[in-house]
């Protein structure tokens, strides 16, 4: 059996409500499931086929990628969210005054990428593929 898609990414977040609102405002994620497990607030947010499972962990510290690398620990450098409307995304970046990492938009051979951080500090690569076609 072959994997057809990545189903979800599970992230710890500082503030559950702030995270849900932020992902909704920027990427139209909707809270589709939530609960409490072992005293911890959790939920699943979804935008089309993209899903994130989030667990509230206000006391956890998210180290910068370079700090984690120096300590010799495994880390998640970033995750990517694919968009199909470049113009709308550029309007959101401007309207929300989103700080872009790495000096702004990066042109890859067949895509554009904007690197941002969510409220907890997770790095996200927002990807727009030219012609909405994945190519290498």
N, C-alpha and C. Protein backbone atom coordinates (compact mmCIF):
# COMPACT_ATOMS: atom_id res chain seq x y z
N UNK A 1 0.85 -1.18 0.00
CA UNK A 1 0.00 0.00 0.00
C UNK A 1 0.90 1.24 0.00
N UNK A 2 0.54 2.20 -0.81
CA UNK A 2 1.30 3.44 -0.90
C UNK A 2 0.60 4.54 -0.13
N UNK A 3 1.37 5.43 0.44
CA UNK A 3 0.81 6.59 1.13
C UNK A 3 0.34 7.58 0.08
N UNK A 4 -0.89 8.07 0.22
CA UNK A 4 -1.41 9.03 -0.75
C UNK A 4 -1.21 10.47 -0.31
N UNK A 5 -1.19 10.71 1.02
CA UNK A 5 -1.00 12.06 1.54
C UNK A 5 -0.50 11.97 2.97
N UNK A 6 0.11 13.03 3.42
CA UNK A 6 0.40 13.18 4.83
C UNK A 6 -0.92 13.53 5.50
N UNK A 7 -1.34 12.76 6.49
CA UNK A 7 -2.66 12.95 7.10
C UNK A 7 -2.71 14.18 7.99
N UNK A 8 -1.78 14.30 8.93
CA UNK A 8 -1.78 15.47 9.81
C UNK A 8 -0.41 15.63 10.46
N UNK A 9 -0.22 16.77 11.04
CA UNK A 9 0.97 17.08 11.81
C UNK A 9 0.50 17.39 13.21
N UNK A 10 1.17 16.85 14.22
CA UNK A 10 0.79 17.04 15.62
C UNK A 10 1.77 18.03 16.26
N UNK A 11 1.26 19.14 16.77
CA UNK A 11 2.11 20.19 17.32
C UNK A 11 1.69 20.56 18.73
N UNK A 12 2.66 20.83 19.59
CA UNK A 12 2.34 21.45 20.87
C UNK A 12 2.31 22.96 20.62
N UNK A 13 1.39 23.65 21.27
CA UNK A 13 1.24 25.10 21.08
C UNK A 13 1.12 25.77 22.45
N UNK A 14 1.54 27.02 22.52
CA UNK A 14 1.48 27.75 23.78
C UNK A 14 0.04 28.05 24.20
N UNK A 15 -0.75 28.52 23.25
CA UNK A 15 -2.11 28.99 23.56
C UNK A 15 -3.07 28.40 22.52
N UNK A 16 -3.94 27.52 22.98
CA UNK A 16 -4.86 26.80 22.09
C UNK A 16 -5.74 27.77 21.29
N UNK A 17 -6.46 28.66 21.99
CA UNK A 17 -7.40 29.56 21.31
C UNK A 17 -6.69 30.50 20.34
N UNK A 18 -5.56 31.07 20.77
CA UNK A 18 -4.82 31.98 19.89
C UNK A 18 -4.38 31.25 18.62
N UNK A 19 -3.94 30.01 18.77
CA UNK A 19 -3.48 29.23 17.62
C UNK A 19 -4.62 28.94 16.66
N UNK A 20 -5.78 28.52 17.20
CA UNK A 20 -6.94 28.25 16.34
C UNK A 20 -7.33 29.51 15.58
N UNK A 21 -7.39 30.65 16.26
CA UNK A 21 -7.78 31.91 15.61
C UNK A 21 -6.77 32.33 14.54
N UNK A 22 -5.48 32.18 14.84
CA UNK A 22 -4.44 32.59 13.90
C UNK A 22 -4.49 31.77 12.62
N UNK A 23 -4.57 30.43 12.75
CA UNK A 23 -4.62 29.57 11.57
C UNK A 23 -5.92 29.78 10.79
N UNK A 24 -7.00 30.11 11.48
CA UNK A 24 -8.26 30.39 10.80
C UNK A 24 -8.14 31.68 10.00
N UNK A 25 -7.61 32.71 10.62
CA UNK A 25 -7.52 34.03 9.98
C UNK A 25 -6.60 34.00 8.76
N UNK A 26 -5.47 33.31 8.86
CA UNK A 26 -4.51 33.31 7.77
C UNK A 26 -4.76 32.25 6.72
N UNK A 27 -5.19 31.05 7.15
CA UNK A 27 -5.27 29.93 6.22
C UNK A 27 -6.65 29.27 6.16
N UNK A 28 -7.64 29.85 6.82
CA UNK A 28 -9.01 29.33 6.81
C UNK A 28 -9.12 27.93 7.43
N UNK A 29 -8.26 27.63 8.42
CA UNK A 29 -8.40 26.39 9.17
C UNK A 29 -9.60 26.53 10.10
N UNK A 30 -10.35 25.44 10.25
CA UNK A 30 -11.52 25.39 11.13
C UNK A 30 -11.32 24.32 12.18
N UNK A 31 -11.71 24.61 13.39
CA UNK A 31 -11.64 23.63 14.47
C UNK A 31 -12.72 22.58 14.22
N UNK A 32 -12.31 21.32 13.99
CA UNK A 32 -13.27 20.26 13.66
C UNK A 32 -13.43 19.23 14.76
N UNK A 33 -12.50 19.21 15.72
CA UNK A 33 -12.59 18.27 16.83
C UNK A 33 -11.78 18.84 17.98
N UNK A 34 -12.25 18.63 19.22
CA UNK A 34 -11.50 19.11 20.37
C UNK A 34 -11.87 18.31 21.60
N UNK A 35 -11.01 18.40 22.60
CA UNK A 35 -11.27 17.70 23.84
C UNK A 35 -10.20 18.00 24.86
N UNK A 36 -10.26 17.25 25.96
CA UNK A 36 -9.27 17.32 27.02
C UNK A 36 -8.77 15.90 27.24
N UNK A 37 -7.46 15.72 27.23
CA UNK A 37 -6.87 14.41 27.49
C UNK A 37 -5.77 14.59 28.53
N UNK A 38 -5.89 13.86 29.63
CA UNK A 38 -4.93 13.97 30.73
C UNK A 38 -4.77 15.43 31.17
N UNK A 39 -5.87 16.17 31.17
CA UNK A 39 -5.85 17.56 31.61
C UNK A 39 -5.32 18.54 30.58
N UNK A 40 -5.05 18.07 29.36
CA UNK A 40 -4.49 18.91 28.31
C UNK A 40 -5.53 19.16 27.22
N UNK A 41 -5.70 20.44 26.86
CA UNK A 41 -6.62 20.82 25.79
C UNK A 41 -5.98 20.45 24.45
N UNK A 42 -6.76 19.79 23.60
CA UNK A 42 -6.27 19.41 22.28
C UNK A 42 -7.38 19.65 21.25
N UNK A 43 -7.00 19.66 19.99
CA UNK A 43 -7.97 19.81 18.92
C UNK A 43 -7.36 19.51 17.57
N UNK A 44 -8.25 19.36 16.59
CA UNK A 44 -7.83 19.18 15.20
C UNK A 44 -8.39 20.36 14.42
N UNK A 45 -7.50 21.03 13.68
CA UNK A 45 -7.94 22.10 12.79
C UNK A 45 -7.70 21.64 11.36
N UNK A 46 -8.60 22.08 10.48
CA UNK A 46 -8.57 21.57 9.12
C UNK A 46 -8.86 22.68 8.11
N UNK A 47 -8.12 22.64 7.01
CA UNK A 47 -8.37 23.51 5.86
C UNK A 47 -8.24 22.61 4.64
N UNK A 48 -9.37 22.34 3.99
CA UNK A 48 -9.41 21.36 2.90
C UNK A 48 -8.86 20.03 3.41
N UNK A 49 -7.83 19.48 2.75
CA UNK A 49 -7.26 18.20 3.18
C UNK A 49 -6.10 18.35 4.17
N UNK A 50 -5.72 19.58 4.49
CA UNK A 50 -4.62 19.81 5.43
C UNK A 50 -5.16 19.83 6.86
N UNK A 51 -4.54 19.03 7.74
CA UNK A 51 -4.98 18.98 9.13
C UNK A 51 -3.79 19.13 10.07
N UNK A 52 -4.02 19.84 11.16
CA UNK A 52 -3.05 19.97 12.23
C UNK A 52 -3.74 19.55 13.52
N UNK A 53 -3.09 18.70 14.29
CA UNK A 53 -3.58 18.33 15.61
C UNK A 53 -2.75 19.16 16.59
N UNK A 54 -3.41 19.92 17.45
CA UNK A 54 -2.68 20.81 18.35
C UNK A 54 -2.99 20.46 19.80
N UNK A 55 -1.95 20.51 20.62
CA UNK A 55 -2.05 20.26 22.06
C UNK A 55 -1.52 21.48 22.78
N UNK A 56 -2.28 22.00 23.72
CA UNK A 56 -1.84 23.18 24.46
C UNK A 56 -0.78 22.79 25.49
N UNK A 57 0.34 23.47 25.44
CA UNK A 57 1.45 23.22 26.36
C UNK A 57 2.15 24.55 26.66
N UNK A 58 1.52 25.41 27.47
CA UNK A 58 2.05 26.76 27.68
C UNK A 58 3.43 26.80 28.33
N UNK A 59 3.80 25.77 29.08
CA UNK A 59 5.09 25.79 29.78
C UNK A 59 6.25 25.31 28.91
N UNK A 60 5.95 24.68 27.79
CA UNK A 60 7.04 24.18 26.94
C UNK A 60 7.75 25.34 26.25
N UNK A 61 9.02 25.16 26.01
CA UNK A 61 9.83 26.17 25.33
C UNK A 61 10.21 25.63 23.96
N UNK A 62 9.94 26.40 22.92
CA UNK A 62 10.32 26.01 21.57
C UNK A 62 11.64 26.70 21.26
N UNK A 63 12.70 25.91 21.12
CA UNK A 63 14.01 26.46 20.81
C UNK A 63 14.11 26.78 19.33
N UNK A 64 14.90 27.75 18.99
CA UNK A 64 15.19 28.09 17.62
C UNK A 64 15.87 26.89 16.95
N UNK A 65 15.65 26.71 15.68
CA UNK A 65 16.22 25.59 14.93
C UNK A 65 17.73 25.50 15.11
N UNK A 66 18.41 26.64 15.02
CA UNK A 66 19.88 26.62 15.17
C UNK A 66 20.29 26.21 16.58
N UNK A 67 19.52 26.63 17.60
CA UNK A 67 19.82 26.23 18.97
C UNK A 67 19.69 24.72 19.12
N UNK A 68 18.63 24.16 18.53
CA UNK A 68 18.42 22.71 18.62
C UNK A 68 19.54 21.96 17.91
N UNK A 69 19.94 22.47 16.76
CA UNK A 69 21.01 21.83 16.00
C UNK A 69 22.31 21.83 16.80
N UNK A 70 22.61 22.98 17.45
CA UNK A 70 23.82 23.08 18.27
C UNK A 70 23.79 22.09 19.43
N UNK A 71 22.60 21.86 20.00
CA UNK A 71 22.47 20.94 21.13
C UNK A 71 22.49 19.48 20.67
N UNK A 72 22.43 19.26 19.38
CA UNK A 72 22.47 17.90 18.85
C UNK A 72 21.17 17.14 19.07
N UNK A 73 20.04 17.86 19.06
CA UNK A 73 18.75 17.20 19.25
C UNK A 73 17.95 17.24 17.94
N UNK A 74 17.06 16.29 17.80
CA UNK A 74 16.19 16.28 16.62
C UNK A 74 15.25 17.48 16.69
N UNK A 75 14.86 17.96 15.54
CA UNK A 75 13.97 19.11 15.50
C UNK A 75 13.17 19.11 14.20
N UNK A 76 12.12 19.88 14.21
CA UNK A 76 11.33 20.11 13.00
C UNK A 76 11.74 21.49 12.48
N UNK A 77 12.40 21.55 11.34
CA UNK A 77 12.86 22.82 10.81
C UNK A 77 11.66 23.69 10.40
N UNK A 78 10.74 23.12 9.65
CA UNK A 78 9.50 23.81 9.29
C UNK A 78 8.57 22.80 8.65
N UNK A 79 7.32 23.22 8.47
CA UNK A 79 6.41 22.42 7.67
C UNK A 79 5.83 23.33 6.61
N UNK A 80 5.35 22.73 5.51
CA UNK A 80 4.87 23.53 4.39
C UNK A 80 3.37 23.46 4.24
N UNK A 81 2.79 24.60 3.92
CA UNK A 81 1.37 24.68 3.57
C UNK A 81 1.28 25.20 2.14
N UNK A 82 0.62 24.43 1.28
CA UNK A 82 0.49 24.81 -0.12
C UNK A 82 -0.72 25.72 -0.31
N UNK A 83 -0.52 26.79 -1.06
CA UNK A 83 -1.62 27.70 -1.40
C UNK A 83 -1.82 27.68 -2.92
N UNK A 84 -3.01 28.09 -3.35
CA UNK A 84 -3.29 28.14 -4.78
C UNK A 84 -3.61 29.55 -5.27
N UNK A 85 -3.80 30.49 -4.35
CA UNK A 85 -4.14 31.87 -4.72
C UNK A 85 -3.03 32.81 -4.24
N UNK A 86 -2.08 33.05 -5.12
CA UNK A 86 -0.92 33.88 -4.79
C UNK A 86 -1.32 35.30 -4.44
N UNK A 87 -2.22 35.86 -5.21
CA UNK A 87 -2.64 37.26 -5.00
C UNK A 87 -3.30 37.41 -3.62
N UNK A 88 -4.20 36.51 -3.27
CA UNK A 88 -4.86 36.57 -1.96
C UNK A 88 -3.84 36.44 -0.84
N UNK A 89 -2.89 35.51 -0.98
CA UNK A 89 -1.86 35.34 0.05
C UNK A 89 -1.03 36.61 0.22
N UNK A 90 -0.64 37.23 -0.90
CA UNK A 90 0.15 38.47 -0.82
C UNK A 90 -0.64 39.57 -0.12
N UNK A 91 -1.95 39.61 -0.34
CA UNK A 91 -2.80 40.58 0.36
C UNK A 91 -2.83 40.29 1.86
N UNK A 92 -2.91 39.02 2.24
CA UNK A 92 -2.91 38.64 3.66
C UNK A 92 -1.58 39.02 4.30
N UNK A 93 -0.48 38.75 3.63
CA UNK A 93 0.84 39.10 4.15
C UNK A 93 0.92 40.60 4.43
N UNK A 94 0.42 41.40 3.48
CA UNK A 94 0.46 42.86 3.64
C UNK A 94 -0.52 43.34 4.72
N UNK A 95 -1.76 42.88 4.65
CA UNK A 95 -2.79 43.31 5.60
C UNK A 95 -2.42 42.95 7.04
N UNK A 96 -1.92 41.73 7.23
CA UNK A 96 -1.57 41.25 8.57
C UNK A 96 -0.16 41.67 8.99
N UNK A 97 0.55 42.34 8.07
CA UNK A 97 1.92 42.79 8.34
C UNK A 97 2.77 41.63 8.87
N UNK A 98 2.71 40.50 8.16
CA UNK A 98 3.43 39.30 8.59
C UNK A 98 4.93 39.46 8.40
N UNK A 99 5.70 39.22 9.45
CA UNK A 99 7.15 39.24 9.27
C UNK A 99 7.59 38.03 8.45
N UNK A 100 8.32 38.28 7.38
CA UNK A 100 8.83 37.20 6.53
C UNK A 100 10.27 36.90 6.91
N UNK A 101 10.56 35.63 7.06
CA UNK A 101 11.91 35.19 7.38
C UNK A 101 12.76 35.15 6.11
N UNK A 102 14.06 35.10 6.28
CA UNK A 102 15.02 34.92 5.17
C UNK A 102 14.92 36.02 4.12
N UNK A 103 14.66 37.23 4.56
CA UNK A 103 14.65 38.41 3.68
C UNK A 103 13.54 38.41 2.64
N UNK A 104 12.43 37.73 2.92
CA UNK A 104 11.27 37.82 2.03
C UNK A 104 11.00 36.58 1.21
N UNK A 105 10.29 36.78 0.12
CA UNK A 105 9.86 35.68 -0.74
C UNK A 105 11.08 35.03 -1.40
N UNK A 106 11.08 33.70 -1.42
CA UNK A 106 12.18 32.97 -2.06
C UNK A 106 11.65 32.30 -3.33
N UNK A 107 12.35 32.53 -4.42
CA UNK A 107 12.01 31.90 -5.70
C UNK A 107 12.79 30.61 -5.83
N UNK A 108 12.09 29.48 -5.80
CA UNK A 108 12.69 28.18 -6.06
C UNK A 108 12.51 27.89 -7.55
N UNK A 109 13.11 26.82 -8.10
CA UNK A 109 13.00 26.58 -9.54
C UNK A 109 11.55 26.58 -10.07
N UNK A 110 10.59 26.03 -9.32
CA UNK A 110 9.21 25.95 -9.82
C UNK A 110 8.17 26.45 -8.82
N UNK A 111 8.63 27.12 -7.78
CA UNK A 111 7.68 27.58 -6.76
C UNK A 111 8.19 28.84 -6.07
N UNK A 112 7.28 29.49 -5.37
CA UNK A 112 7.60 30.62 -4.51
C UNK A 112 7.36 30.18 -3.08
N UNK A 113 8.16 30.70 -2.15
CA UNK A 113 7.99 30.33 -0.75
C UNK A 113 8.13 31.55 0.15
N UNK A 114 7.19 31.66 1.07
CA UNK A 114 7.21 32.67 2.12
C UNK A 114 7.39 31.90 3.43
N UNK A 115 8.35 32.28 4.23
CA UNK A 115 8.59 31.61 5.51
C UNK A 115 8.13 32.53 6.64
N UNK A 116 7.25 31.99 7.48
CA UNK A 116 6.69 32.77 8.58
C UNK A 116 6.71 31.89 9.84
N UNK A 117 6.37 32.48 10.98
CA UNK A 117 6.24 31.72 12.22
C UNK A 117 4.84 31.90 12.78
N UNK A 118 4.30 30.82 13.35
CA UNK A 118 2.99 30.90 13.99
C UNK A 118 3.16 31.48 15.40
N UNK A 119 2.07 31.68 16.15
CA UNK A 119 2.18 32.30 17.48
C UNK A 119 3.08 31.55 18.46
N UNK A 120 3.22 30.24 18.32
CA UNK A 120 4.09 29.48 19.21
C UNK A 120 5.55 29.60 18.77
N UNK A 121 5.77 29.84 17.49
CA UNK A 121 7.12 29.94 16.95
C UNK A 121 7.45 28.86 15.94
N UNK A 122 6.47 28.00 15.60
CA UNK A 122 6.71 26.99 14.57
C UNK A 122 6.90 27.69 13.23
N UNK A 123 7.94 27.30 12.51
CA UNK A 123 8.20 27.88 11.20
C UNK A 123 7.36 27.18 10.15
N UNK A 124 6.77 27.99 9.27
CA UNK A 124 5.91 27.48 8.21
C UNK A 124 6.42 28.01 6.87
N UNK A 125 6.54 27.11 5.91
CA UNK A 125 6.84 27.52 4.54
C UNK A 125 5.51 27.54 3.80
N UNK A 126 5.11 28.71 3.35
CA UNK A 126 3.89 28.85 2.56
C UNK A 126 4.33 28.77 1.10
N UNK A 127 3.83 27.74 0.39
CA UNK A 127 4.34 27.41 -0.95
C UNK A 127 3.28 27.66 -2.01
N UNK A 128 3.69 28.33 -3.06
CA UNK A 128 2.85 28.51 -4.24
C UNK A 128 3.59 27.90 -5.42
N UNK A 129 3.04 26.82 -5.98
CA UNK A 129 3.63 26.16 -7.14
C UNK A 129 3.14 26.86 -8.41
N UNK A 130 4.06 27.21 -9.31
CA UNK A 130 3.69 27.85 -10.56
C UNK A 130 2.74 26.94 -11.34
N UNK A 131 1.61 27.49 -11.75
CA UNK A 131 0.62 26.71 -12.48
C UNK A 131 -0.07 25.66 -11.62
N UNK A 132 0.09 25.77 -10.30
CA UNK A 132 -0.48 24.82 -9.35
C UNK A 132 -0.08 23.37 -9.70
N UNK A 133 1.17 23.25 -10.21
CA UNK A 133 1.69 21.94 -10.62
C UNK A 133 2.99 21.67 -9.90
N UNK A 134 3.04 20.54 -9.20
CA UNK A 134 4.28 20.16 -8.52
C UNK A 134 5.25 19.62 -9.56
N UNK A 135 6.44 20.24 -9.62
CA UNK A 135 7.46 19.83 -10.58
C UNK A 135 8.82 19.85 -9.90
N UNK A 136 9.69 19.00 -10.41
CA UNK A 136 11.09 18.98 -9.93
C UNK A 136 12.01 18.85 -11.11
